[in-house]
Amino acid sequence: MRIGRLVTLIVIVWLIIGAVAVWQRGYFKDTTADCASAGTIAVTVIAGPLNYAGVNPKIDCEVPQPSQ
């Protein structure tokens, strides 16, 4: 039971650090709402403390255009 709580705490702290990295990089100020921006934010949060070790994840995706 104690190990589960410790793992939960580590995961929460990891994600909070990732969210701080997203905020420091100004990704929340980006006004475009596309899959590349959302993906970059998600990967940066998941990377967490690795962001401060030089990891700078970026996502590039293309959404198919609707047919005419």
Protein backbone atom coordinates (compact mmCIF):
# COMPACT_ATOMS: atom_id res chain seq x y z
CA MET A 1 0.00 0.00 0.00
CA ARG A 2 2.84 2.41 0.84
CA ILE A 3 4.60 1.81 -2.47
CA GLY A 4 1.42 2.63 -4.38
CA ARG A 5 1.12 5.96 -2.59
CA LEU A 6 4.76 6.74 -3.26
CA VAL A 7 4.38 5.95 -6.97
CA THR A 8 1.24 8.10 -7.14
CA LEU A 9 3.05 11.00 -5.48
CA ILE A 10 6.01 10.68 -7.86
CA VAL A 11 3.70 10.66 -10.90
CA ILE A 12 1.80 13.72 -9.68
CA VAL A 13 5.01 15.66 -8.98
CA TRP A 14 6.40 14.54 -12.38
CA LEU A 15 3.30 15.90 -14.20
CA ILE A 16 3.32 19.15 -12.21
CA ILE A 17 6.95 19.74 -13.20
CA GLY A 18 5.98 19.07 -16.83
CA ALA A 19 3.11 21.56 -16.59
CA VAL A 20 5.50 24.17 -15.19
CA ALA A 21 7.83 23.55 -18.15
CA VAL A 22 4.92 24.09 -20.56
CA TRP A 23 4.01 27.33 -18.79
CA GLN A 24 7.64 28.57 -18.81
CA ARG A 25 7.94 27.91 -22.55
CA GLY A 26 4.76 29.90 -23.19
CA TYR A 27 2.87 27.09 -24.92
CA PHE A 28 -0.37 28.05 -23.18
CA LYS A 29 -0.20 31.54 -24.76
CA ASP A 30 -0.22 30.07 -28.27
CA THR A 31 -3.55 31.02 -29.82
CA THR A 32 -3.62 28.28 -32.44
CA ALA A 33 -5.67 25.27 -31.45
CA ASP A 34 -4.33 22.54 -33.69
CA CYS A 35 -3.10 19.02 -33.14
CA ALA A 36 0.56 20.05 -33.28
CA SER A 37 0.15 22.52 -30.41
CA ALA A 38 -1.89 20.09 -28.33
CA GLY A 39 0.58 17.29 -29.00
CA THR A 40 3.56 19.43 -28.08
CA ILE A 41 1.90 20.46 -24.81
CA ALA A 42 0.98 16.85 -23.96
CA VAL A 43 4.43 15.46 -24.73
CA THR A 44 6.13 18.26 -22.78
CA VAL A 45 3.96 17.57 -19.72
CA ILE A 46 4.63 13.83 -19.98
CA ALA A 47 8.38 14.41 -20.38
CA GLY A 48 8.23 16.24 -17.04
CA PRO A 49 11.64 16.80 -15.43
CA LEU A 50 13.43 15.62 -18.57
CA ASN A 51 12.59 19.04 -20.02
CA TYR A 52 15.15 20.58 -17.69
CA ALA A 53 17.76 18.10 -18.89
CA GLY A 54 17.53 19.50 -22.40
CA VAL A 55 14.66 17.47 -23.85
CA ASN A 56 12.52 19.72 -26.05
CA PRO A 57 9.77 17.58 -27.56
CA LYS A 58 7.85 18.93 -30.54
CA ILE A 59 5.00 17.28 -32.38
CA ASP A 60 4.26 17.84 -36.05
CA CYS A 61 1.06 16.39 -37.39
CA GLU A 62 -1.10 16.96 -40.40
CA VAL A 63 -4.84 16.58 -40.32
CA PRO A 64 -6.42 15.52 -43.61
CA GLN A 65 -8.51 18.20 -45.26
CA PRO A 66 -12.19 17.44 -45.82
CA SER A 67 -13.14 16.41 -49.31
CA GLN A 68 -15.05 18.86 -51.44
